[in-house]
Amino acid sequence: MLALGGVDELLFSGSLTVYGVLFLPVCLLVALWVRPGDLLSAPVVVPIAFAVGLLPLAGGADRLGARLMGLATALAAQAGWLYAGTLLTAATVLVRGVRRATARRRTAAHATRGPHPSRRAS
């Protein structure tokens, strides 16, 4: 997101709308690429990445206080994109988790039952 924020600053003069639109596919990719054991961390990491990516876009002078105030303002103004991306990530992770649990249950049930009776060798 930091790289996307920098590219947005260079190509689109720091358009926060472009940044928000680019944030949504990144959220989906994060939710799809995260390891199955780390599924719960994806909805937590996404808002942090959103804030870090806003650093090049945050208005303010070179002073730290002005930069932080610009960051807080940008976060408040772009809360809709942040919520949408976090919700997209959480929903995707939830679907992946349910599918993973269902597959695990099927595997465990199949292991305890053994092969189907009609498929046993005569």
PDB file of N, CA and C in Angstrom:
ATOM      1  N   MET A   1       0.828  -1.182   0.000  1.00  0.00           N
ATOM      2  CA  MET A   1       0.000   0.000   0.000  1.00  0.00           C
ATOM      3  C   MET A   1       0.875   1.250   0.000  1.00  0.00           C
ATOM      4  N   LEU A   2       2.028   1.176   0.624  1.00  0.00           N
ATOM      5  CA  LEU A   2       2.932   2.322   0.611  1.00  0.00           C
ATOM      6  C   LEU A   2       3.387   2.603  -0.816  1.00  0.00           C
ATOM      7  N   ALA A   3       3.705   1.550  -1.568  1.00  0.00           N
ATOM      8  CA  ALA A   3       4.091   1.720  -2.966  1.00  0.00           C
ATOM      9  C   ALA A   3       2.925   2.265  -3.791  1.00  0.00           C
ATOM     10  N   LEU A   4       1.713   1.767  -3.558  1.00  0.00           N
ATOM     11  CA  LEU A   4       0.549   2.285  -4.281  1.00  0.00           C
ATOM     12  C   LEU A   4       0.278   3.744  -3.924  1.00  0.00           C
ATOM     13  N   GLY A   5       0.491   4.098  -2.680  1.00  0.00           N
ATOM     14  CA  GLY A   5       0.343   5.490  -2.277  1.00  0.00           C
ATOM     15  C   GLY A   5       1.345   6.385  -2.978  1.00  0.00           C
ATOM     16  N   GLY A   6       2.579   5.911  -3.108  1.00  0.00           N
ATOM     17  CA  GLY A   6       3.599   6.677  -3.827  1.00  0.00           C
ATOM     18  C   GLY A   6       3.281   6.817  -5.305  1.00  0.00           C
ATOM     19  N   VAL A   7       2.819   5.732  -5.917  1.00  0.00           N
ATOM     20  CA  VAL A   7       2.435   5.779  -7.337  1.00  0.00           C
ATOM     21  C   VAL A   7       1.243   6.710  -7.527  1.00  0.00           C
ATOM     22  N   ASP A   8       0.297   6.666  -6.625  1.00  0.00           N
ATOM     23  CA  ASP A   8      -0.860   7.557  -6.688  1.00  0.00           C
ATOM     24  C   ASP A   8      -0.417   9.016  -6.579  1.00  0.00           C
ATOM     25  N   GLU A   9       0.526   9.278  -5.705  1.00  0.00           N
ATOM     26  CA  GLU A   9       1.041  10.642  -5.554  1.00  0.00           C
ATOM     27  C   GLU A   9       1.713  11.124  -6.843  1.00  0.00           C
ATOM     28  N   LEU A  10       2.473  10.238  -7.484  1.00  0.00           N
ATOM     29  CA  LEU A  10       3.186  10.615  -8.706  1.00  0.00           C
ATOM     30  C   LEU A  10       2.268  10.751  -9.915  1.00  0.00           C
ATOM     31  N   LEU A  11       1.372   9.787 -10.099  1.00  0.00           N
ATOM     32  CA  LEU A  11       0.566   9.762 -11.317  1.00  0.00           C
ATOM     33  C   LEU A  11      -0.747  10.537 -11.221  1.00  0.00           C
ATOM     34  N   PHE A  12      -1.338  10.550 -10.035  1.00  0.00           N
ATOM     35  CA  PHE A  12      -2.669  11.140  -9.893  1.00  0.00           C
ATOM     36  C   PHE A  12      -2.704  12.298  -8.901  1.00  0.00           C
ATOM     37  N   SER A  13      -1.569  12.861  -8.603  1.00  0.00           N
ATOM     38  CA  SER A  13      -1.446  14.003  -7.681  1.00  0.00           C
ATOM     39  C   SER A  13      -2.072  13.720  -6.316  1.00  0.00           C
ATOM     40  N   GLY A  14      -1.947  12.502  -5.857  1.00  0.00           N
ATOM     41  CA  GLY A  14      -2.429  12.139  -4.524  1.00  0.00           C
ATOM     42  C   GLY A  14      -3.937  12.053  -4.404  1.00  0.00           C
ATOM     43  N   SER A  15      -4.593  11.535  -5.409  1.00  0.00           N
ATOM     44  CA  SER A  15      -6.048  11.388  -5.359  1.00  0.00           C
ATOM     45  C   SER A  15      -6.424  10.310  -4.350  1.00  0.00           C
ATOM     46  N   LEU A  16      -7.156  10.699  -3.331  1.00  0.00           N
ATOM     47  CA  LEU A  16      -7.563   9.739  -2.310  1.00  0.00           C
ATOM     48  C   LEU A  16      -8.614   8.769  -2.832  1.00  0.00           C
ATOM     49  N   THR A  17      -9.385   9.185  -3.808  1.00  0.00           N
ATOM     50  CA  THR A  17     -10.373   8.284  -4.401  1.00  0.00           C
ATOM     51  C   THR A  17      -9.679   7.164  -5.171  1.00  0.00           C
ATOM     52  N   VAL A  18      -8.657   7.500  -5.933  1.00  0.00           N
ATOM     53  CA  VAL A  18      -7.892   6.479  -6.663  1.00  0.00           C
ATOM     54  C   VAL A  18      -7.244   5.521  -5.669  1.00  0.00           C
ATOM     55  N   TYR A  19      -6.709   6.063  -4.593  1.00  0.00           N
ATOM     56  CA  TYR A  19      -6.101   5.230  -3.565  1.00  0.00           C
ATOM     57  C   TYR A  19      -7.128   4.264  -2.967  1.00  0.00           C
ATOM     58  N   GLY A  20      -8.319   4.760  -2.674  1.00  0.00           N
ATOM     59  CA  GLY A  20      -9.372   3.913  -2.118  1.00  0.00           C
ATOM     60  C   GLY A  20      -9.796   2.822  -3.076  1.00  0.00           C
ATOM     61  N   VAL A  21      -9.914   3.165  -4.362  1.00  0.00           N
ATOM     62  CA  VAL A  21     -10.295   2.165  -5.369  1.00  0.00           C
ATOM     63  C   VAL A  21      -9.209   1.105  -5.498  1.00  0.00           C
ATOM     64  N   LEU A  22      -7.942   1.495  -5.437  1.00  0.00           N
ATOM     65  CA  LEU A  22      -6.845   0.528  -5.519  1.00  0.00           C
ATOM     66  C   LEU A  22      -6.748  -0.327  -4.258  1.00  0.00           C
ATOM     67  N   PHE A  23      -7.257   0.194  -3.164  1.00  0.00           N
ATOM     68  CA  PHE A  23      -7.204  -0.525  -1.894  1.00  0.00           C
ATOM     69  C   PHE A  23      -8.079  -1.779  -1.906  1.00  0.00           C
ATOM     70  N   LEU A  24      -9.214  -1.728  -2.571  1.00  0.00           N
ATOM     71  CA  LEU A  24     -10.143  -2.863  -2.557  1.00  0.00           C
ATOM     72  C   LEU A  24      -9.565  -4.136  -3.184  1.00  0.00           C
ATOM     73  N   PRO A  25      -8.941  -4.077  -4.395  1.00  0.00           N
ATOM     74  CA  PRO A  25      -8.343  -5.315  -4.909  1.00  0.00           C
ATOM     75  C   PRO A  25      -7.186  -5.825  -4.054  1.00  0.00           C
ATOM     76  N   VAL A  26      -6.461  -4.910  -3.430  1.00  0.00           N
ATOM     77  CA  VAL A  26      -5.381  -5.339  -2.535  1.00  0.00           C
ATOM     78  C   VAL A  26      -5.961  -6.110  -1.351  1.00  0.00           C
ATOM     79  N   CYS A  27      -7.085  -5.650  -0.822  1.00  0.00           N
ATOM     80  CA  CYS A  27      -7.743  -6.354   0.281  1.00  0.00           C
ATOM     81  C   CYS A  27      -8.154  -7.765  -0.126  1.00  0.00           C
ATOM     82  N   LEU A  28      -8.714  -7.882  -1.307  1.00  0.00           N
ATOM     83  CA  LEU A  28      -9.124  -9.195  -1.788  1.00  0.00           C
ATOM     84  C   LEU A  28      -7.916 -10.112  -1.972  1.00  0.00           C
ATOM     85  N   LEU A  29      -6.851  -9.585  -2.547  1.00  0.00           N
ATOM     86  CA  LEU A  29      -5.640 -10.393  -2.732  1.00  0.00           C
ATOM     87  C   LEU A  29      -5.043 -10.820  -1.399  1.00  0.00           C
ATOM     88  N   VAL A  30      -5.027  -9.934  -0.430  1.00  0.00           N
ATOM     89  CA  VAL A  30      -4.508 -10.292   0.891  1.00  0.00           C
ATOM     90  C   VAL A  30      -5.336 -11.426   1.480  1.00  0.00           C
ATOM     91  N   ALA A  31      -6.651 -11.322   1.379  1.00  0.00           N
ATOM     92  CA  ALA A  31      -7.525 -12.359   1.941  1.00  0.00           C
ATOM     93  C   ALA A  31      -7.364 -13.694   1.227  1.00  0.00           C
ATOM     94  N   LEU A  32      -7.052 -13.661  -0.052  1.00  0.00           N
ATOM     95  CA  LEU A  32      -6.900 -14.904  -0.815  1.00  0.00           C
ATOM     96  C   LEU A  32      -5.505 -15.512  -0.669  1.00  0.00           C
ATOM     97  N   TRP A  33      -4.492 -14.684  -0.461  1.00  0.00           N
ATOM     98  CA  TRP A  33      -3.119 -15.184  -0.433  1.00  0.00           C
ATOM     99  C   TRP A  33      -2.599 -15.516   0.955  1.00  0.00           C
ATOM    100  N   VAL A  34      -3.280 -15.080   1.999  1.00  0.00           N
ATOM    101  CA  VAL A  34      -2.781 -15.340   3.341  1.00  0.00           C
ATOM    102  C   VAL A  34      -2.813 -16.842   3.621  1.00  0.00           C
ATOM    103  N   ARG A  35      -1.831 -17.299   4.384  1.00  0.00           N
ATOM    104  CA  ARG A  35      -1.771 -18.722   4.724  1.00  0.00           C
ATOM    105  C   ARG A  35      -2.995 -19.118   5.542  1.00  0.00           C
ATOM    106  N   PRO A  36      -3.459 -20.341   5.393  1.00  0.00           N
ATOM    107  CA  PRO A  36      -4.651 -20.763   6.145  1.00  0.00           C
ATOM    108  C   PRO A  36      -4.506 -20.604   7.654  1.00  0.00           C
ATOM    109  N   GLY A  37      -3.331 -20.794   8.177  1.00  0.00           N
ATOM    110  CA  GLY A  37      -3.123 -20.642   9.613  1.00  0.00           C
ATOM    111  C   GLY A  37      -3.175 -19.197  10.084  1.00  0.00           C
ATOM    112  N   ASP A  38      -3.033 -18.254   9.169  1.00  0.00           N
ATOM    113  CA  ASP A  38      -3.015 -16.834   9.512  1.00  0.00           C
ATOM    114  C   ASP A  38      -4.268 -16.105   9.051  1.00  0.00           C
ATOM    115  N   LEU A  39      -5.347 -16.817   8.825  1.00  0.00           N
ATOM    116  CA  LEU A  39      -6.561 -16.185   8.297  1.00  0.00           C
ATOM    117  C   LEU A  39      -7.079 -15.051   9.181  1.00  0.00           C
ATOM    118  N   LEU A  40      -6.996 -15.209  10.476  1.00  0.00           N
ATOM    119  CA  LEU A  40      -7.537 -14.193  11.369  1.00  0.00           C
ATOM    120  C   LEU A  40      -6.715 -12.911  11.390  1.00  0.00           C
ATOM    121  N   SER A  41      -5.482 -12.968  10.922  1.00  0.00           N
ATOM    122  CA  SER A  41      -4.648 -11.758  10.936  1.00  0.00           C
ATOM    123  C   SER A  41      -4.938 -10.837   9.749  1.00  0.00           C
ATOM    124  N   ALA A  42      -5.519 -11.340   8.693  1.00  0.00           N
ATOM    125  CA  ALA A  42      -5.740 -10.527   7.491  1.00  0.00           C
ATOM    126  C   ALA A  42      -6.633  -9.319   7.745  1.00  0.00           C
ATOM    127  N   PRO A  43      -7.785  -9.459   8.406  1.00  0.00           N
ATOM    128  CA  PRO A  43      -8.607  -8.265   8.655  1.00  0.00           C
ATOM    129  C   PRO A  43      -7.955  -7.260   9.605  1.00  0.00           C
ATOM    130  N   VAL A  44      -6.939  -7.678  10.340  1.00  0.00           N
ATOM    131  CA  VAL A  44      -6.231  -6.767  11.233  1.00  0.00           C
ATOM    132  C   VAL A  44      -5.149  -6.010  10.479  1.00  0.00           C
ATOM    133  N   VAL A  45      -4.483  -6.684   9.571  1.00  0.00           N
ATOM    134  CA  VAL A  45      -3.359  -6.090   8.848  1.00  0.00           C
ATOM    135  C   VAL A  45      -3.830  -5.071   7.811  1.00  0.00           C
ATOM    136  N   VAL A  46      -4.983  -5.293   7.227  1.00  0.00           N
ATOM    137  CA  VAL A  46      -5.468  -4.439   6.143  1.00  0.00           C
ATOM    138  C   VAL A  46      -5.632  -2.969   6.565  1.00  0.00           C
ATOM    139  N   PRO A  47      -6.258  -2.662   7.696  1.00  0.00           N
ATOM    140  CA  PRO A  47      -6.347  -1.253   8.079  1.00  0.00           C
ATOM    141  C   PRO A  47      -4.985  -0.615   8.375  1.00  0.00           C
ATOM    142  N   ILE A  48      -4.065  -1.399   8.909  1.00  0.00           N
ATOM    143  CA  ILE A  48      -2.720  -0.879   9.156  1.00  0.00           C
ATOM    144  C   ILE A  48      -2.047  -0.534   7.836  1.00  0.00           C
ATOM    145  N   ALA A  49      -2.187  -1.415   6.846  1.00  0.00           N
ATOM    146  CA  ALA A  49      -1.611  -1.150   5.529  1.00  0.00           C
ATOM    147  C   ALA A  49      -2.250   0.075   4.887  1.00  0.00           C
ATOM    148  N   PHE A  50      -3.551   0.261   5.082  1.00  0.00           N
ATOM    149  CA  PHE A  50      -4.237   1.429   4.551  1.00  0.00           C
ATOM    150  C   PHE A  50      -3.629   2.701   5.127  1.00  0.00           C
ATOM    151  N   ALA A  51      -3.405   2.721   6.427  1.00  0.00           N
ATOM    152  CA  ALA A  51      -2.835   3.900   7.079  1.00  0.00           C
ATOM    153  C   ALA A  51      -1.407   4.160   6.625  1.00  0.00           C
ATOM    154  N   VAL A  52      -0.613   3.116   6.494  1.00  0.00           N
ATOM    155  CA  VAL A  52       0.776   3.284   6.046  1.00  0.00           C
ATOM    156  C   VAL A  52       0.809   3.804   4.609  1.00  0.00           C
ATOM    157  N   GLY A  53      -0.086   3.315   3.770  1.00  0.00           N
ATOM    158  CA  GLY A  53      -0.132   3.771   2.385  1.00  0.00           C
ATOM    159  C   GLY A  53      -0.572   5.212   2.240  1.00  0.00           C
ATOM    160  N   LEU A  54      -1.260   5.737   3.232  1.00  0.00           N
ATOM    161  CA  LEU A  54      -1.684   7.140   3.189  1.00  0.00           C
ATOM    162  C   LEU A  54      -0.552   8.109   3.505  1.00  0.00           C
ATOM    163  N   LEU A  55       0.558   7.618   4.037  1.00  0.00           N
ATOM    164  CA  LEU A  55       1.657   8.514   4.409  1.00  0.00           C
ATOM    165  C   LEU A  55       2.125   9.410   3.265  1.00  0.00           C
ATOM    166  N   PRO A  56       2.348   8.892   2.054  1.00  0.00           N
ATOM    167  CA  PRO A  56       2.769   9.805   0.979  1.00  0.00           C
ATOM    168  C   PRO A  56       1.661  10.759   0.540  1.00  0.00           C
ATOM    169  N   LEU A  57       0.420  10.417   0.823  1.00  0.00           N
ATOM    170  CA  LEU A  57      -0.712  11.215   0.368  1.00  0.00           C
ATOM    171  C   LEU A  57      -1.172  12.236   1.400  1.00  0.00           C
ATOM    172  N   ALA A  58      -0.764  12.037   2.641  1.00  0.00           N
ATOM    173  CA  ALA A  58      -1.229  12.914   3.716  1.00  0.00           C
ATOM    174  C   ALA A  58      -0.685  14.315   3.506  1.00  0.00           C
ATOM    175  N   GLY A  59      -1.577  15.274   3.540  1.00  0.00           N
ATOM    176  CA  GLY A  59      -1.155  16.659   3.386  1.00  0.00           C
ATOM    177  C   GLY A  59      -0.381  17.119   4.594  1.00  0.00           C
ATOM    178  N   GLY A  60       0.222  18.245   4.468  1.00  0.00           N
ATOM    179  CA  GLY A  60       0.982  18.798   5.580  1.00  0.00           C
ATOM    180  C   GLY A  60       2.383  19.126   5.148  1.00  0.00           C
ATOM    181  N   ALA A  61       2.995  19.955   5.919  1.00  0.00           N
ATOM    182  CA  ALA A  61       4.368  20.384   5.616  1.00  0.00           C
ATOM    183  C   ALA A  61       5.330  19.276   6.009  1.00  0.00           C
ATOM    184  N   ASP A  62       6.579  19.611   6.043  1.00  0.00           N
ATOM    185  CA  ASP A  62       7.595  18.622   6.390  1.00  0.00           C
ATOM    186  C   ASP A  62       7.651  18.357   7.888  1.00  0.00           C
ATOM    187  N   ARG A  63       6.946  19.135   8.662  1.00  0.00           N
ATOM    188  CA  ARG A  63       6.945  18.927  10.106  1.00  0.00           C
ATOM    189  C   ARG A  63       6.152  17.671  10.452  1.00  0.00           C
ATOM    190  N   LEU A  64       6.579  16.999  11.478  1.00  0.00           N
ATOM    191  CA  LEU A  64       5.946  15.744  11.887  1.00  0.00           C
ATOM    192  C   LEU A  64       4.501  15.969  12.332  1.00  0.00           C
ATOM    193  N   GLY A  65       4.254  16.994  13.099  1.00  0.00           N
ATOM    194  CA  GLY A  65       2.904  17.269  13.585  1.00  0.00           C
ATOM    195  C   GLY A  65       1.933  17.533  12.449  1.00  0.00           C
ATOM    196  N   ALA A  66       2.367  18.295  11.449  1.00  0.00           N
ATOM    197  CA  ALA A  66       1.506  18.592  10.303  1.00  0.00           C
ATOM    198  C   ALA A  66       1.242  17.330   9.488  1.00  0.00           C
ATOM    199  N   ARG A  67       2.245  16.491   9.363  1.00  0.00           N
ATOM    200  CA  ARG A  67       2.084  15.242   8.613  1.00  0.00           C
ATOM    201  C   ARG A  67       1.109  14.315   9.331  1.00  0.00           C
ATOM    202  N   LEU A  68       1.225  14.210  10.650  1.00  0.00           N
ATOM    203  CA  LEU A  68       0.312  13.359  11.420  1.00  0.00           C
ATOM    204  C   LEU A  68      -1.120  13.895  11.371  1.00  0.00           C
ATOM    205  N   MET A  69      -1.272  15.223  11.407  1.00  0.00           N
ATOM    206  CA  MET A  69      -2.610  15.800  11.306  1.00  0.00           C
ATOM    207  C   MET A  69      -3.200  15.524   9.926  1.00  0.00           C
ATOM    208  N   GLY A  70      -2.383  15.604   8.878  1.00  0.00           N
ATOM    209  CA  GLY A  70      -2.840  15.272   7.535  1.00  0.00           C
ATOM    210  C   GLY A  70      -3.235  13.810   7.423  1.00  0.00           C
ATOM    211  N   LEU A  71      -2.483  12.945   8.093  1.00  0.00           N
ATOM    212  CA  LEU A  71      -2.804  11.515   8.090  1.00  0.00           C
ATOM    213  C   LEU A  71      -4.134  11.254   8.803  1.00  0.00           C
ATOM    214  N   ALA A  72      -4.337  11.889   9.941  1.00  0.00           N
ATOM    215  CA  ALA A  72      -5.592  11.715  10.671  1.00  0.00           C
ATOM    216  C   ALA A  72      -6.773  12.229   9.851  1.00  0.00           C
ATOM    217  N   THR A  73      -6.584  13.347   9.168  1.00  0.00           N
ATOM    218  CA  THR A  73      -7.644  13.900   8.333  1.00  0.00           C
ATOM    219  C   THR A  73      -7.953  12.966   7.160  1.00  0.00           C
ATOM    220  N   ALA A  74      -6.906  12.448   6.529  1.00  0.00           N
ATOM    221  CA  ALA A  74      -7.106  11.535   5.398  1.00  0.00           C
ATOM    222  C   ALA A  74      -7.798  10.249   5.853  1.00  0.00           C
ATOM    223  N   LEU A  75      -7.427   9.734   7.016  1.00  0.00           N
ATOM    224  CA  LEU A  75      -8.090   8.529   7.534  1.00  0.00           C
ATOM    225  C   LEU A  75      -9.563   8.783   7.807  1.00  0.00           C
ATOM    226  N   ALA A  76      -9.864   9.948   8.359  1.00  0.00           N
ATOM    227  CA  ALA A  76     -11.268  10.274   8.646  1.00  0.00           C
ATOM    228  C   ALA A  76     -12.059  10.455   7.352  1.00  0.00           C
ATOM    229  N   ALA A  77     -11.441  11.089   6.368  1.00  0.00           N
ATOM    230  CA  ALA A  77     -12.141  11.358   5.112  1.00  0.00           C
ATOM    231  C   ALA A  77     -12.317  10.097   4.269  1.00  0.00           C
ATOM    232  N   GLN A  78     -11.447   9.144   4.422  1.00  0.00           N
ATOM    233  CA  GLN A  78     -11.483   7.932   3.604  1.00  0.00           C
ATOM    234  C   GLN A  78     -11.956   6.714   4.391  1.00  0.00           C
ATOM    235  N   ALA A  79     -12.687   6.940   5.475  1.00  0.00           N
ATOM    236  CA  ALA A  79     -13.147   5.836   6.320  1.00  0.00           C
ATOM    237  C   ALA A  79     -14.037   4.860   5.560  1.00  0.00           C
ATOM    238  N   GLY A  80     -14.794   5.338   4.585  1.00  0.00           N
ATOM    239  CA  GLY A  80     -15.653   4.444   3.799  1.00  0.00           C
ATOM    240  C   GLY A  80     -14.854   3.396   3.048  1.00  0.00           C
ATOM    241  N   TRP A  81     -13.768   3.823   2.406  1.00  0.00           N
ATOM    242  CA  TRP A  81     -12.904   2.861   1.699  1.00  0.00           C
ATOM    243  C   TRP A  81     -12.264   1.892   2.681  1.00  0.00           C
ATOM    244  N   LEU A  82     -11.854   2.414   3.827  1.00  0.00           N
ATOM    245  CA  LEU A  82     -11.227   1.569   4.844  1.00  0.00           C
ATOM    246  C   LEU A  82     -12.199   0.511   5.356  1.00  0.00           C
ATOM    247  N   TYR A  83     -13.418   0.916   5.662  1.00  0.00           N
ATOM    248  CA  TYR A  83     -14.429  -0.044   6.129  1.00  0.00           C
ATOM    249  C   TYR A  83     -14.782  -1.051   5.036  1.00  0.00           C
ATOM    250  N   ALA A  84     -14.938  -0.588   3.810  1.00  0.00           N
ATOM    251  CA  ALA A  84     -15.292  -1.492   2.711  1.00  0.00           C
ATOM    252  C   ALA A  84     -14.197  -2.536   2.487  1.00  0.00           C
ATOM    253  N   GLY A  85     -12.954  -2.099   2.503  1.00  0.00           N
ATOM    254  CA  GLY A  85     -11.845  -3.037   2.313  1.00  0.00           C
ATOM    255  C   GLY A  85     -11.715  -4.025   3.450  1.00  0.00           C
ATOM    256  N   THR A  86     -11.898  -3.543   4.667  1.00  0.00           N
ATOM    257  CA  THR A  86     -11.818  -4.431   5.826  1.00  0.00           C
ATOM    258  C   THR A  86     -12.969  -5.434   5.803  1.00  0.00           C
ATOM    259  N   LEU A  87     -14.156  -4.972   5.449  1.00  0.00           N
ATOM    260  CA  LEU A  87     -15.304  -5.881   5.350  1.00  0.00           C
ATOM    261  C   LEU A  87     -15.093  -6.914   4.251  1.00  0.00           C
ATOM    262  N   LEU A  88     -14.574  -6.495   3.105  1.00  0.00           N
ATOM    263  CA  LEU A  88     -14.279  -7.425   2.012  1.00  0.00           C
ATOM    264  C   LEU A  88     -13.274  -8.476   2.458  1.00  0.00           C
ATOM    265  N   THR A  89     -12.234  -8.040   3.144  1.00  0.00           N
ATOM    266  CA  THR A  89     -11.222  -8.974   3.642  1.00  0.00           C
ATOM    267  C   THR A  89     -11.819  -9.944   4.658  1.00  0.00           C
ATOM    268  N   ALA A  90     -12.589  -9.416   5.595  1.00  0.00           N
ATOM    269  CA  ALA A  90     -13.183 -10.273   6.626  1.00  0.00           C
ATOM    270  C   ALA A  90     -14.155 -11.279   6.028  1.00  0.00           C
ATOM    271  N   ALA A  91     -14.960 -10.847   5.065  1.00  0.00           N
ATOM    272  CA  ALA A  91     -15.918 -11.769   4.435  1.00  0.00           C
ATOM    273  C   ALA A  91     -15.189 -12.867   3.663  1.00  0.00           C
ATOM    274  N   THR A  92     -14.152 -12.507   2.947  1.00  0.00           N
ATOM    275  CA  THR A  92     -13.384 -13.501   2.185  1.00  0.00           C
ATOM    276  C   THR A  92     -12.695 -14.483   3.120  1.00  0.00           C
ATOM    277  N   VAL A  93     -12.125 -13.980   4.191  1.00  0.00           N
ATOM    278  CA  VAL A  93     -11.467 -14.844   5.178  1.00  0.00           C
ATOM    279  C   VAL A  93     -12.489 -15.755   5.841  1.00  0.00           C
ATOM    280  N   LEU A  94     -13.674 -15.242   6.128  1.00  0.00           N
ATOM    281  CA  LEU A  94     -14.725 -16.058   6.733  1.00  0.00           C
ATOM    282  C   LEU A  94     -15.121 -17.207   5.812  1.00  0.00           C
ATOM    283  N   VAL A  95     -15.306 -16.924   4.538  1.00  0.00           N
ATOM    284  CA  VAL A  95     -15.657 -17.970   3.569  1.00  0.00           C
ATOM    285  C   VAL A  95     -14.536 -19.000   3.486  1.00  0.00           C
ATOM    286  N   ARG A  96     -13.290 -18.529   3.428  1.00  0.00           N
ATOM    287  CA  ARG A  96     -12.168 -19.474   3.386  1.00  0.00           C
ATOM    288  C   ARG A  96     -12.113 -20.328   4.646  1.00  0.00           C
ATOM    289  N   GLY A  97     -12.366 -19.731   5.792  1.00  0.00           N
ATOM    290  CA  GLY A  97     -12.333 -20.481   7.049  1.00  0.00           C
ATOM    291  C   GLY A  97     -13.431 -21.523   7.133  1.00  0.00           C
ATOM    292  N   VAL A  98     -14.627 -21.166   6.685  1.00  0.00           N
ATOM    293  CA  VAL A  98     -15.737 -22.121   6.687  1.00  0.00           C
ATOM    294  C   VAL A  98     -15.447 -23.270   5.737  1.00  0.00           C
ATOM    295  N   ARG A  99     -14.943 -22.958   4.552  1.00  0.00           N
ATOM    296  CA  ARG A  99     -14.614 -24.031   3.601  1.00  0.00           C
ATOM    297  C   ARG A  99     -13.513 -24.936   4.150  1.00  0.00           C
ATOM    298  N   ARG A 100     -12.544 -24.344   4.834  1.00  0.00           N
ATOM    299  CA  ARG A 100     -11.447 -25.131   5.405  1.00  0.00           C
ATOM    300  C   ARG A 100     -11.981 -26.045   6.504  1.00  0.00           C
ATOM    301  N   ALA A 101     -12.846 -25.516   7.367  1.00  0.00           N
ATOM    302  CA  ALA A 101     -13.414 -26.324   8.445  1.00  0.00           C
ATOM    303  C   ALA A 101     -14.289 -27.442   7.895  1.00  0.00           C
ATOM    304  N   THR A 102     -15.072 -27.157   6.862  1.00  0.00           N
ATOM    305  CA  THR A 102     -15.921 -28.172   6.241  1.00  0.00           C
ATOM    306  C   THR A 102     -15.074 -29.287   5.632  1.00  0.00           C
ATOM    307  N   ALA A 103     -14.013 -28.916   4.961  1.00  0.00           N
ATOM    308  CA  ALA A 103     -13.129 -29.924   4.356  1.00  0.00           C
ATOM    309  C   ALA A 103     -12.469 -30.773   5.443  1.00  0.00           C
ATOM    310  N   ARG A 104     -12.077 -30.140   6.530  1.00  0.00           N
ATOM    311  CA  ARG A 104     -11.454 -30.882   7.628  1.00  0.00           C
ATOM    312  C   ARG A 104     -12.443 -31.859   8.253  1.00  0.00           C
ATOM    313  N   ARG A 105     -13.703 -31.430   8.399  1.00  0.00           N
ATOM    314  CA  ARG A 105     -14.738 -32.306   8.953  1.00  0.00           C
ATOM    315  C   ARG A 105     -15.006 -33.491   8.043  1.00  0.00           C
ATOM    316  N   ARG A 106     -15.071 -33.220   6.745  1.00  0.00           N
ATOM    317  CA  ARG A 106     -15.302 -34.316   5.789  1.00  0.00           C
ATOM    318  C   ARG A 106     -14.170 -35.328   5.828  1.00  0.00           C
ATOM    319  N   THR A 107     -12.935 -34.835   5.891  1.00  0.00           N
ATOM    320  CA  THR A 107     -11.781 -35.729   5.936  1.00  0.00           C
ATOM    321  C   THR A 107     -11.804 -36.572   7.208  1.00  0.00           C
ATOM    322  N   ALA A 108     -12.135 -35.946   8.328  1.00  0.00           N
ATOM    323  CA  ALA A 108     -12.194 -36.688   9.593  1.00  0.00           C
ATOM    324  C   ALA A 108     -13.324 -37.712   9.579  1.00  0.00           C
ATOM    325  N   ALA A 109     -14.467 -37.342   9.028  1.00  0.00           N
ATOM    326  CA  ALA A 109     -15.596 -38.272   8.964  1.00  0.00           C
ATOM    327  C   ALA A 109     -15.276 -39.437   8.038  1.00  0.00           C
ATOM    328  N   HIS A 110     -14.628 -39.151   6.932  1.00  0.00           N
ATOM    329  CA  HIS A 110     -14.272 -40.214   5.991  1.00  0.00           C
ATOM    330  C   HIS A 110     -13.237 -41.154   6.605  1.00  0.00           C
ATOM    331  N   ALA A 111     -12.318 -40.624   7.389  1.00  0.00           N
ATOM    332  CA  ALA A 111     -11.288 -41.457   8.008  1.00  0.00           C
ATOM    333  C   ALA A 111     -11.882 -42.375   9.070  1.00  0.00           C
ATOM    334  N   THR A 112     -12.902 -41.907   9.782  1.00  0.00           N
ATOM    335  CA  THR A 112     -13.481 -42.752  10.836  1.00  0.00           C
ATOM    336  C   THR A 112     -14.455 -43.787  10.284  1.00  0.00           C
ATOM    337  N   ARG A 113     -15.131 -43.465   9.188  1.00  0.00           N
ATOM    338  CA  ARG A 113     -16.093 -44.401   8.605  1.00  0.00           C
ATOM    339  C   ARG A 113     -15.428 -45.470   7.760  1.00  0.00           C
ATOM    340  N   GLY A 114     -14.351 -45.154   7.138  1.00  0.00           N
ATOM    341  CA  GLY A 114     -13.722 -46.102   6.234  1.00  0.00           C
ATOM    342  C   GLY A 114     -14.377 -46.016   4.864  1.00  0.00           C
ATOM    343  N   PRO A 115     -14.044 -46.920   3.991  1.00  0.00           N
ATOM    344  CA  PRO A 115     -14.635 -46.883   2.655  1.00  0.00           C
ATOM    345  C   PRO A 115     -16.123 -47.212   2.694  1.00  0.00           C
ATOM    346  N   HIS A 116     -16.820 -46.758   1.701  1.00  0.00           N
ATOM    347  CA  HIS A 116     -18.258 -46.995   1.578  1.00  0.00           C
ATOM    348  C   HIS A 116     -18.507 -48.494   1.438  1.00  0.00           C
ATOM    349  N   PRO A 117     -19.551 -49.057   2.095  1.00  0.00           N
ATOM    350  CA  PRO A 117     -19.793 -50.516   2.065  1.00  0.00           C
ATOM    351  C   PRO A 117     -19.973 -51.068   0.652  1.00  0.00           C
ATOM    352  N   SER A 118     -20.559 -50.320  -0.224  1.00  0.00           N
ATOM    353  CA  SER A 118     -20.771 -50.849  -1.576  1.00  0.00           C
ATOM    354  C   SER A 118     -19.473 -50.894  -2.363  1.00  0.00           C
ATOM    355  N   ARG A 119     -18.447 -50.263  -1.883  1.00  0.00           N
ATOM    356  CA  ARG A 119     -17.174 -50.231  -2.622  1.00  0.00           C
ATOM    357  C   ARG A 119     -16.157 -51.233  -2.079  1.00  0.00           C
ATOM    358  N   ARG A 120     -16.534 -52.004  -1.083  1.00  0.00           N
ATOM    359  CA  ARG A 120     -15.625 -52.987  -0.548  1.00  0.00           C
ATOM    360  C   ARG A 120     -15.431 -54.122  -1.532  1.00  0.00           C
ATOM    361  N   ALA A 121     -14.247 -54.663  -1.514  1.00  0.00           N
ATOM    362  CA  ALA A 121     -13.958 -55.774  -2.430  1.00  0.00           C
ATOM    363  C   ALA A 121     -14.671 -57.029  -1.949  1.00  0.00           C
ATOM    364  N   SER A 122     -15.224 -57.797  -2.867  1.00  0.00           N
ATOM    365  CA  SER A 122     -15.976 -59.001  -2.504  1.00  0.00           C
ATOM    366  C   SER A 122     -15.074 -60.184  -2.376  1.00  0.00           C
TER     367      SER A 122
END
